[in-house]
Amino acid sequence: MNRTQMRENAFKLLYSLEIQKNEDIEEQIELYTENSEIESEEAKKYIKDAVMRNSKKCK
């Protein structure tokens, strides 16, 4: 998975979290990566870091 795809997945997840207003972000990240069949550890880390960083800015 290239960086563009990782960024796209991170923003998809951020958008869905904003709509759902779910408090357990880490669980949602894990569910998203499983459902999206993301296997790359680098991609998972990038997505998690991006989501966590941006979710803190939104609060």
Foldseek 3Di string as FASTA:
>chain_A
DDPVVLVVLLVVLLVVCVVVVDPPSVVSLVVSCVVVVPDDPVSSVSSVVSNVVVVVVVD
